[in-house]
Amino acid sequence: MNTAVLDAVDRALVLATQSGLPLVSRPYHRLAGQIGIPPEEVMARLSRMLQKGVIRRVGAVPNHYAIGYTANGMSVWDVPDESIDELGARVGALDFVTHCYHRPRRLPAWPYNLFVMVHGSSRSEVLSKVAEIAALLGHGSRSHDVLFSTAILKKTGLRIAP
């Protein structure tokens, strides 16, 4: 359990970034001006919070629909538990895979333990990419399915109140 305590400056930095970084050429400088600290301190504090697990990541969260990826398929795979780390690393390294993670099976109805998100401009494009994953996994996959998104349900993380 993370028991890190945020000081007033860390809290201000989290509040200033939780909806995203400013869309400017030097976002850390903009944040520094808002908070009243040097840009180097903004970067150092974010780095420290990442290392301590206070924040999970600093990264882009694209709206796939807005950039033309209207077919979004979560492919689910039944792979041997003893091979999941190795197979997941290979699949996760594919340039078209945006998320790849291990989840528990829910037998007998749900045999899948490897979840791999793929985006495309059409369902056929997603299915083609899933076929590439199947070829990569080979006999390492006992079965799989693809669950296509029908709506965007969430595009934000946890928020703290000001």
N, C-alpha and C. Protein backbone atom coordinates (compact mmCIF):
# COMPACT_ATOMS: atom_id res chain seq x y z
N MET A 1 0.84 -1.18 0.00
CA MET A 1 0.00 0.00 0.00
C MET A 1 0.89 1.24 0.00
N ASN A 2 0.58 2.19 -0.86
CA ASN A 2 1.35 3.42 -0.94
C ASN A 2 0.86 4.39 0.13
N THR A 3 1.78 4.76 1.03
CA THR A 3 1.40 5.68 2.10
C THR A 3 2.05 7.05 1.92
N ALA A 4 2.48 7.36 0.69
CA ALA A 4 3.12 8.65 0.42
C ALA A 4 2.14 9.78 0.71
N VAL A 5 2.67 10.83 1.29
CA VAL A 5 1.87 12.01 1.59
C VAL A 5 2.28 13.12 0.62
N LEU A 6 1.29 13.76 0.04
CA LEU A 6 1.56 14.87 -0.87
C LEU A 6 1.71 16.16 -0.08
N ASP A 7 2.78 16.91 -0.36
CA ASP A 7 2.86 18.24 0.23
C ASP A 7 2.00 19.18 -0.63
N ALA A 8 1.91 20.42 -0.23
CA ALA A 8 1.03 21.37 -0.92
C ALA A 8 1.42 21.56 -2.38
N VAL A 9 2.72 21.55 -2.68
CA VAL A 9 3.17 21.74 -4.06
C VAL A 9 2.86 20.50 -4.90
N ASP A 10 3.10 19.29 -4.35
CA ASP A 10 2.75 18.07 -5.07
C ASP A 10 1.25 18.05 -5.37
N ARG A 11 0.45 18.39 -4.39
CA ARG A 11 -1.00 18.39 -4.57
C ARG A 11 -1.40 19.38 -5.67
N ALA A 12 -0.81 20.56 -5.65
CA ALA A 12 -1.10 21.56 -6.69
C ALA A 12 -0.69 21.03 -8.06
N LEU A 13 0.42 20.32 -8.13
CA LEU A 13 0.89 19.75 -9.40
C LEU A 13 -0.06 18.67 -9.89
N VAL A 14 -0.52 17.80 -9.00
CA VAL A 14 -1.49 16.77 -9.39
C VAL A 14 -2.78 17.42 -9.87
N LEU A 15 -3.26 18.39 -9.15
CA LEU A 15 -4.49 19.08 -9.56
C LEU A 15 -4.33 19.74 -10.93
N ALA A 16 -3.15 20.32 -11.17
CA ALA A 16 -2.92 21.03 -12.44
C ALA A 16 -2.76 20.06 -13.62
N THR A 17 -2.41 18.81 -13.35
CA THR A 17 -2.15 17.87 -14.45
C THR A 17 -3.19 16.76 -14.58
N GLN A 18 -4.08 16.60 -13.64
CA GLN A 18 -4.97 15.45 -13.67
C GLN A 18 -5.94 15.46 -14.86
N SER A 19 -6.17 16.59 -15.46
CA SER A 19 -7.00 16.64 -16.66
C SER A 19 -6.16 16.67 -17.93
N GLY A 20 -4.84 16.57 -17.77
CA GLY A 20 -3.94 16.55 -18.91
C GLY A 20 -2.93 17.67 -18.83
N LEU A 21 -1.84 17.48 -19.54
CA LEU A 21 -0.82 18.52 -19.62
C LEU A 21 -1.31 19.63 -20.54
N PRO A 22 -0.85 20.84 -20.31
CA PRO A 22 -1.22 21.93 -21.23
C PRO A 22 -0.72 21.62 -22.66
N LEU A 23 -1.52 21.90 -23.64
CA LEU A 23 -1.17 21.61 -25.03
C LEU A 23 -0.36 22.77 -25.60
N VAL A 24 0.86 22.89 -25.11
CA VAL A 24 1.80 23.92 -25.54
C VAL A 24 3.16 23.25 -25.76
N SER A 25 4.08 23.96 -26.40
CA SER A 25 5.38 23.36 -26.72
C SER A 25 6.21 23.05 -25.47
N ARG A 26 5.99 23.76 -24.38
CA ARG A 26 6.75 23.54 -23.15
C ARG A 26 5.79 23.42 -21.97
N PRO A 27 5.09 22.28 -21.87
CA PRO A 27 4.05 22.14 -20.84
C PRO A 27 4.58 22.24 -19.41
N TYR A 28 5.79 21.75 -19.15
CA TYR A 28 6.31 21.82 -17.78
C TYR A 28 6.62 23.26 -17.38
N HIS A 29 7.01 24.06 -18.34
CA HIS A 29 7.25 25.48 -18.07
C HIS A 29 5.92 26.19 -17.76
N ARG A 30 4.88 25.84 -18.50
CA ARG A 30 3.56 26.43 -18.24
C ARG A 30 3.09 26.05 -16.83
N LEU A 31 3.23 24.77 -16.48
CA LEU A 31 2.84 24.32 -15.14
C LEU A 31 3.64 25.04 -14.06
N ALA A 32 4.93 25.19 -14.32
CA ALA A 32 5.80 25.88 -13.36
C ALA A 32 5.28 27.29 -13.09
N GLY A 33 4.88 27.99 -14.16
CA GLY A 33 4.34 29.33 -14.01
C GLY A 33 3.04 29.34 -13.21
N GLN A 34 2.18 28.35 -13.45
CA GLN A 34 0.92 28.26 -12.72
C GLN A 34 1.14 28.04 -11.23
N ILE A 35 2.10 27.16 -10.92
CA ILE A 35 2.29 26.74 -9.54
C ILE A 35 3.28 27.65 -8.79
N GLY A 36 4.16 28.29 -9.55
CA GLY A 36 5.13 29.18 -8.92
C GLY A 36 6.42 28.49 -8.50
N ILE A 37 6.83 27.47 -9.27
CA ILE A 37 8.09 26.78 -9.01
C ILE A 37 8.87 26.68 -10.32
N PRO A 38 10.17 26.41 -10.28
CA PRO A 38 10.94 26.28 -11.52
C PRO A 38 10.52 25.04 -12.31
N PRO A 39 10.64 25.07 -13.66
CA PRO A 39 10.27 23.92 -14.49
C PRO A 39 11.03 22.65 -14.10
N GLU A 40 12.28 22.79 -13.69
CA GLU A 40 13.07 21.63 -13.30
C GLU A 40 12.47 20.95 -12.06
N GLU A 41 11.89 21.76 -11.19
CA GLU A 41 11.24 21.19 -10.01
C GLU A 41 9.95 20.47 -10.39
N VAL A 42 9.22 20.99 -11.38
CA VAL A 42 8.03 20.30 -11.87
C VAL A 42 8.43 18.91 -12.34
N MET A 43 9.46 18.83 -13.18
CA MET A 43 9.90 17.54 -13.72
C MET A 43 10.42 16.62 -12.62
N ALA A 44 11.16 17.16 -11.67
CA ALA A 44 11.71 16.35 -10.58
C ALA A 44 10.58 15.80 -9.70
N ARG A 45 9.60 16.63 -9.41
CA ARG A 45 8.49 16.18 -8.56
C ARG A 45 7.66 15.11 -9.28
N LEU A 46 7.36 15.31 -10.56
CA LEU A 46 6.62 14.28 -11.30
C LEU A 46 7.40 12.98 -11.35
N SER A 47 8.71 13.06 -11.58
CA SER A 47 9.56 11.88 -11.61
C SER A 47 9.53 11.16 -10.26
N ARG A 48 9.65 11.90 -9.18
CA ARG A 48 9.62 11.31 -7.84
C ARG A 48 8.28 10.65 -7.57
N MET A 49 7.18 11.31 -7.95
CA MET A 49 5.85 10.73 -7.72
C MET A 49 5.66 9.46 -8.55
N LEU A 50 6.23 9.42 -9.75
CA LEU A 50 6.19 8.20 -10.56
C LEU A 50 6.95 7.08 -9.88
N GLN A 51 8.17 7.37 -9.43
CA GLN A 51 9.00 6.36 -8.78
C GLN A 51 8.36 5.81 -7.52
N LYS A 52 7.68 6.66 -6.77
CA LYS A 52 7.05 6.23 -5.51
C LYS A 52 5.67 5.60 -5.74
N GLY A 53 5.17 5.66 -6.97
CA GLY A 53 3.87 5.07 -7.26
C GLY A 53 2.70 5.97 -6.90
N VAL A 54 2.97 7.23 -6.59
CA VAL A 54 1.89 8.17 -6.30
C VAL A 54 1.06 8.40 -7.55
N ILE A 55 1.75 8.53 -8.70
CA ILE A 55 1.09 8.59 -10.00
C ILE A 55 1.61 7.42 -10.83
N ARG A 56 0.78 6.89 -11.70
CA ARG A 56 1.18 5.72 -12.47
C ARG A 56 1.93 6.04 -13.75
N ARG A 57 1.57 7.15 -14.39
CA ARG A 57 2.24 7.47 -15.64
C ARG A 57 1.96 8.91 -16.04
N VAL A 58 2.82 9.40 -16.91
CA VAL A 58 2.59 10.67 -17.59
C VAL A 58 2.61 10.30 -19.06
N GLY A 59 1.50 10.43 -19.73
CA GLY A 59 1.45 10.03 -21.13
C GLY A 59 0.21 10.54 -21.82
N ALA A 60 0.21 10.35 -23.12
CA ALA A 60 -0.93 10.77 -23.94
C ALA A 60 -2.07 9.78 -23.82
N VAL A 61 -3.29 10.29 -23.80
CA VAL A 61 -4.49 9.47 -23.81
C VAL A 61 -5.30 9.90 -25.03
N PRO A 62 -5.04 9.27 -26.17
CA PRO A 62 -5.73 9.72 -27.38
C PRO A 62 -7.20 9.30 -27.40
N ASN A 63 -8.00 10.09 -28.07
CA ASN A 63 -9.37 9.71 -28.36
C ASN A 63 -9.31 8.97 -29.69
N HIS A 64 -9.35 7.65 -29.63
CA HIS A 64 -9.17 6.84 -30.84
C HIS A 64 -10.20 7.15 -31.91
N TYR A 65 -11.43 7.44 -31.50
CA TYR A 65 -12.46 7.78 -32.49
C TYR A 65 -12.10 9.05 -33.24
N ALA A 66 -11.58 10.06 -32.51
CA ALA A 66 -11.26 11.34 -33.13
C ALA A 66 -10.12 11.24 -34.13
N ILE A 67 -9.22 10.26 -33.96
CA ILE A 67 -8.11 10.11 -34.89
C ILE A 67 -8.36 9.03 -35.94
N GLY A 68 -9.61 8.58 -36.05
CA GLY A 68 -9.98 7.68 -37.13
C GLY A 68 -10.02 6.20 -36.80
N TYR A 69 -9.68 5.83 -35.57
CA TYR A 69 -9.74 4.42 -35.18
C TYR A 69 -11.10 4.15 -34.55
N THR A 70 -12.07 3.82 -35.39
CA THR A 70 -13.43 3.63 -34.91
C THR A 70 -13.77 2.19 -34.59
N ALA A 71 -12.87 1.28 -34.91
CA ALA A 71 -13.05 -0.13 -34.55
C ALA A 71 -12.01 -0.44 -33.47
N ASN A 72 -12.49 -0.79 -32.30
CA ASN A 72 -11.61 -1.05 -31.17
C ASN A 72 -11.95 -2.42 -30.63
N GLY A 73 -10.99 -3.33 -30.69
CA GLY A 73 -11.25 -4.70 -30.28
C GLY A 73 -10.34 -5.16 -29.16
N MET A 74 -10.94 -5.60 -28.07
CA MET A 74 -10.18 -6.24 -27.01
C MET A 74 -10.12 -7.72 -27.37
N SER A 75 -8.93 -8.17 -27.76
CA SER A 75 -8.78 -9.59 -28.04
C SER A 75 -8.41 -10.28 -26.74
N VAL A 76 -9.04 -11.40 -26.49
CA VAL A 76 -8.82 -12.15 -25.26
C VAL A 76 -8.32 -13.54 -25.64
N TRP A 77 -7.32 -14.00 -24.88
CA TRP A 77 -6.59 -15.21 -25.25
C TRP A 77 -6.48 -16.15 -24.07
N ASP A 78 -6.59 -17.44 -24.37
CA ASP A 78 -6.36 -18.49 -23.38
C ASP A 78 -4.97 -19.04 -23.65
N VAL A 79 -4.02 -18.61 -22.83
CA VAL A 79 -2.64 -19.09 -22.98
C VAL A 79 -2.22 -19.77 -21.68
N PRO A 80 -1.26 -20.69 -21.75
CA PRO A 80 -0.82 -21.37 -20.53
C PRO A 80 -0.29 -20.37 -19.50
N ASP A 81 -0.71 -20.51 -18.26
CA ASP A 81 -0.29 -19.59 -17.21
C ASP A 81 1.23 -19.53 -17.07
N GLU A 82 1.90 -20.65 -17.26
CA GLU A 82 3.36 -20.67 -17.11
C GLU A 82 4.07 -19.94 -18.25
N SER A 83 3.37 -19.60 -19.32
CA SER A 83 3.97 -18.90 -20.47
C SER A 83 3.47 -17.47 -20.63
N ILE A 84 2.57 -17.04 -19.76
CA ILE A 84 1.91 -15.75 -19.99
C ILE A 84 2.87 -14.57 -20.00
N ASP A 85 3.88 -14.57 -19.13
CA ASP A 85 4.82 -13.44 -19.10
C ASP A 85 5.59 -13.33 -20.40
N GLU A 86 6.10 -14.45 -20.87
CA GLU A 86 6.88 -14.46 -22.12
C GLU A 86 5.99 -14.13 -23.32
N LEU A 87 4.82 -14.77 -23.41
CA LEU A 87 3.92 -14.51 -24.55
C LEU A 87 3.37 -13.08 -24.50
N GLY A 88 3.02 -12.62 -23.31
CA GLY A 88 2.51 -11.26 -23.18
C GLY A 88 3.54 -10.22 -23.59
N ALA A 89 4.81 -10.46 -23.24
CA ALA A 89 5.88 -9.52 -23.64
C ALA A 89 6.03 -9.49 -25.15
N ARG A 90 5.94 -10.64 -25.79
CA ARG A 90 6.06 -10.68 -27.26
C ARG A 90 4.89 -9.96 -27.93
N VAL A 91 3.69 -10.21 -27.45
CA VAL A 91 2.51 -9.57 -28.04
C VAL A 91 2.52 -8.07 -27.74
N GLY A 92 2.85 -7.71 -26.51
CA GLY A 92 2.88 -6.30 -26.11
C GLY A 92 3.89 -5.48 -26.89
N ALA A 93 4.90 -6.13 -27.46
CA ALA A 93 5.92 -5.42 -28.24
C ALA A 93 5.45 -5.08 -29.66
N LEU A 94 4.33 -5.64 -30.09
CA LEU A 94 3.82 -5.34 -31.44
C LEU A 94 3.40 -3.87 -31.49
N ASP A 95 3.76 -3.19 -32.58
CA ASP A 95 3.51 -1.75 -32.65
C ASP A 95 2.04 -1.37 -32.68
N PHE A 96 1.16 -2.28 -33.01
CA PHE A 96 -0.27 -1.95 -33.07
C PHE A 96 -1.02 -2.32 -31.80
N VAL A 97 -0.35 -2.87 -30.81
CA VAL A 97 -0.98 -3.24 -29.54
C VAL A 97 -0.85 -2.06 -28.58
N THR A 98 -1.99 -1.58 -28.06
CA THR A 98 -1.95 -0.44 -27.15
C THR A 98 -2.01 -0.85 -25.69
N HIS A 99 -2.60 -1.97 -25.37
CA HIS A 99 -2.67 -2.47 -24.00
C HIS A 99 -2.52 -3.98 -24.06
N CYS A 100 -1.75 -4.53 -23.13
CA CYS A 100 -1.57 -5.98 -23.05
C CYS A 100 -1.37 -6.34 -21.59
N TYR A 101 -2.29 -7.13 -21.05
CA TYR A 101 -2.17 -7.44 -19.63
C TYR A 101 -2.78 -8.78 -19.27
N HIS A 102 -2.34 -9.28 -18.14
CA HIS A 102 -2.78 -10.56 -17.58
C HIS A 102 -3.97 -10.30 -16.66
N ARG A 103 -5.02 -11.09 -16.83
CA ARG A 103 -6.18 -11.02 -15.96
C ARG A 103 -6.56 -12.44 -15.56
N PRO A 104 -7.17 -12.60 -14.40
CA PRO A 104 -7.53 -13.97 -13.97
C PRO A 104 -8.65 -14.55 -14.81
N ARG A 105 -8.58 -15.84 -14.99
CA ARG A 105 -9.67 -16.58 -15.65
C ARG A 105 -10.87 -16.61 -14.71
N ARG A 106 -12.05 -16.80 -15.27
CA ARG A 106 -13.27 -16.99 -14.48
C ARG A 106 -13.95 -18.25 -15.00
N LEU A 107 -13.34 -19.37 -14.64
CA LEU A 107 -13.83 -20.66 -15.12
C LEU A 107 -15.15 -21.01 -14.45
N PRO A 108 -16.02 -21.72 -15.13
CA PRO A 108 -15.81 -22.34 -16.44
C PRO A 108 -16.20 -21.45 -17.62
N ALA A 109 -16.87 -20.35 -17.36
CA ALA A 109 -17.41 -19.53 -18.46
C ALA A 109 -16.36 -18.68 -19.17
N TRP A 110 -15.27 -18.29 -18.48
CA TRP A 110 -14.32 -17.34 -19.05
C TRP A 110 -12.90 -17.91 -18.94
N PRO A 111 -12.40 -18.55 -20.01
CA PRO A 111 -11.08 -19.20 -19.94
C PRO A 111 -9.91 -18.27 -20.26
N TYR A 112 -10.17 -17.01 -20.57
CA TYR A 112 -9.14 -16.12 -21.09
C TYR A 112 -8.33 -15.44 -19.97
N ASN A 113 -7.02 -15.36 -20.18
CA ASN A 113 -6.14 -14.76 -19.18
C ASN A 113 -5.21 -13.69 -19.75
N LEU A 114 -5.17 -13.53 -21.06
CA LEU A 114 -4.33 -12.51 -21.71
C LEU A 114 -5.26 -11.58 -22.50
N PHE A 115 -5.20 -10.28 -22.17
CA PHE A 115 -6.06 -9.29 -22.80
C PHE A 115 -5.20 -8.35 -23.63
N VAL A 116 -5.58 -8.15 -24.90
CA VAL A 116 -4.77 -7.37 -25.82
C VAL A 116 -5.68 -6.42 -26.61
N MET A 117 -5.48 -5.11 -26.44
CA MET A 117 -6.31 -4.11 -27.12
C MET A 117 -5.70 -3.74 -28.46
N VAL A 118 -6.55 -3.73 -29.48
CA VAL A 118 -6.14 -3.40 -30.84
C VAL A 118 -7.14 -2.40 -31.41
N HIS A 119 -6.64 -1.37 -32.08
CA HIS A 119 -7.49 -0.36 -32.69
C HIS A 119 -7.30 -0.39 -34.20
N GLY A 120 -8.35 -0.04 -34.94
CA GLY A 120 -8.26 0.03 -36.39
C GLY A 120 -9.35 0.92 -36.95
N SER A 121 -9.25 1.18 -38.24
CA SER A 121 -10.27 2.02 -38.88
C SER A 121 -11.49 1.19 -39.29
N SER A 122 -11.40 -0.14 -39.18
CA SER A 122 -12.53 -1.01 -39.50
C SER A 122 -12.38 -2.31 -38.70
N ARG A 123 -13.48 -3.02 -38.58
CA ARG A 123 -13.42 -4.31 -37.89
C ARG A 123 -12.50 -5.28 -38.63
N SER A 124 -12.51 -5.22 -39.96
CA SER A 124 -11.63 -6.13 -40.71
C SER A 124 -10.16 -5.83 -40.45
N GLU A 125 -9.82 -4.56 -40.27
CA GLU A 125 -8.44 -4.21 -39.94
C GLU A 125 -8.06 -4.77 -38.56
N VAL A 126 -8.95 -4.62 -37.60
CA VAL A 126 -8.70 -5.17 -36.26
C VAL A 126 -8.54 -6.69 -36.34
N LEU A 127 -9.43 -7.34 -37.06
CA LEU A 127 -9.35 -8.80 -37.18
C LEU A 127 -8.07 -9.25 -37.87
N SER A 128 -7.59 -8.48 -38.82
CA SER A 128 -6.32 -8.78 -39.47
C SER A 128 -5.16 -8.70 -38.47
N LYS A 129 -5.19 -7.69 -37.61
CA LYS A 129 -4.16 -7.55 -36.59
C LYS A 129 -4.26 -8.68 -35.56
N VAL A 130 -5.47 -9.07 -35.21
CA VAL A 130 -5.67 -10.20 -34.29
C VAL A 130 -5.11 -11.48 -34.91
N ALA A 131 -5.26 -11.63 -36.22
CA ALA A 131 -4.69 -12.80 -36.91
C ALA A 131 -3.17 -12.79 -36.80
N GLU A 132 -2.56 -11.61 -36.83
CA GLU A 132 -1.10 -11.52 -36.64
C GLU A 132 -0.72 -11.98 -35.24
N ILE A 133 -1.52 -11.59 -34.26
CA ILE A 133 -1.25 -12.02 -32.88
C ILE A 133 -1.38 -13.54 -32.80
N ALA A 134 -2.42 -14.08 -33.41
CA ALA A 134 -2.63 -15.54 -33.40
C ALA A 134 -1.44 -16.26 -34.02
N ALA A 135 -0.91 -15.72 -35.12
CA ALA A 135 0.26 -16.34 -35.76
C ALA A 135 1.48 -16.26 -34.85
N LEU A 136 1.64 -15.15 -34.16
CA LEU A 136 2.77 -14.99 -33.24
C LEU A 136 2.66 -15.98 -32.07
N LEU A 137 1.45 -16.13 -31.53
CA LEU A 137 1.26 -17.03 -30.40
C LEU A 137 1.33 -18.50 -30.81
N GLY A 138 0.92 -18.79 -32.03
CA GLY A 138 0.95 -20.17 -32.51
C GLY A 138 0.22 -21.11 -31.57
N HIS A 139 0.89 -22.22 -31.22
CA HIS A 139 0.27 -23.21 -30.34
C HIS A 139 0.19 -22.73 -28.89
N GLY A 140 0.78 -21.55 -28.62
CA GLY A 140 0.69 -20.99 -27.27
C GLY A 140 -0.70 -20.51 -26.92
N SER A 141 -1.55 -20.37 -27.92
CA SER A 141 -2.94 -19.94 -27.69
C SER A 141 -3.87 -21.12 -27.92
N ARG A 142 -4.67 -21.43 -26.90
CA ARG A 142 -5.62 -22.52 -27.03
C ARG A 142 -6.93 -22.03 -27.65
N SER A 143 -7.28 -20.77 -27.39
CA SER A 143 -8.48 -20.16 -27.99
C SER A 143 -8.41 -18.66 -27.78
N HIS A 144 -9.25 -17.94 -28.53
CA HIS A 144 -9.33 -16.49 -28.37
C HIS A 144 -10.66 -15.98 -28.89
N ASP A 145 -10.94 -14.72 -28.59
CA ASP A 145 -12.14 -14.05 -29.08
C ASP A 145 -11.80 -12.57 -29.18
N VAL A 146 -12.68 -11.81 -29.83
CA VAL A 146 -12.51 -10.37 -29.94
C VAL A 146 -13.81 -9.71 -29.50
N LEU A 147 -13.68 -8.78 -28.57
CA LEU A 147 -14.82 -8.03 -28.06
C LEU A 147 -14.70 -6.61 -28.59
N PHE A 148 -15.61 -6.21 -29.46
CA PHE A 148 -15.55 -4.87 -30.06
C PHE A 148 -16.25 -3.84 -29.19
N SER A 149 -15.64 -2.67 -29.07
CA SER A 149 -16.24 -1.56 -28.31
C SER A 149 -17.46 -1.04 -29.05
N THR A 150 -18.45 -0.63 -28.28
CA THR A 150 -19.64 -0.01 -28.87
C THR A 150 -19.78 1.44 -28.44
N ALA A 151 -19.01 1.85 -27.42
CA ALA A 151 -19.05 3.24 -26.93
C ALA A 151 -17.80 3.52 -26.11
N ILE A 152 -17.44 4.80 -26.00
CA ILE A 152 -16.37 5.19 -25.10
C ILE A 152 -17.01 5.41 -23.73
N LEU A 153 -16.59 4.64 -22.75
CA LEU A 153 -17.19 4.75 -21.43
C LEU A 153 -16.39 5.61 -20.47
N LYS A 154 -15.06 5.67 -20.67
CA LYS A 154 -14.23 6.42 -19.74
C LYS A 154 -12.96 6.86 -20.45
N LYS A 155 -12.57 8.10 -20.27
CA LYS A 155 -11.29 8.57 -20.81
C LYS A 155 -10.53 9.37 -19.76
N THR A 156 -10.83 9.15 -18.50
CA THR A 156 -10.14 9.86 -17.44
C THR A 156 -9.72 8.88 -16.34
N GLY A 157 -8.75 9.30 -15.57
CA GLY A 157 -8.33 8.52 -14.43
C GLY A 157 -8.96 9.07 -13.16
N LEU A 158 -8.48 8.58 -12.04
CA LEU A 158 -8.94 9.05 -10.75
C LEU A 158 -8.65 10.54 -10.60
N ARG A 159 -9.57 11.26 -10.00
CA ARG A 159 -9.41 12.69 -9.78
C ARG A 159 -9.42 12.98 -8.28
N ILE A 160 -8.59 13.94 -7.85
CA ILE A 160 -8.70 14.38 -6.46
C ILE A 160 -9.40 15.73 -6.46
N ALA A 161 -10.13 15.99 -5.42
CA ALA A 161 -10.88 17.25 -5.32
C ALA A 161 -9.95 18.38 -4.93
N PRO A 162 -10.18 19.57 -5.50
CA PRO A 162 -9.34 20.73 -5.16
C PRO A 162 -9.42 21.11 -3.69
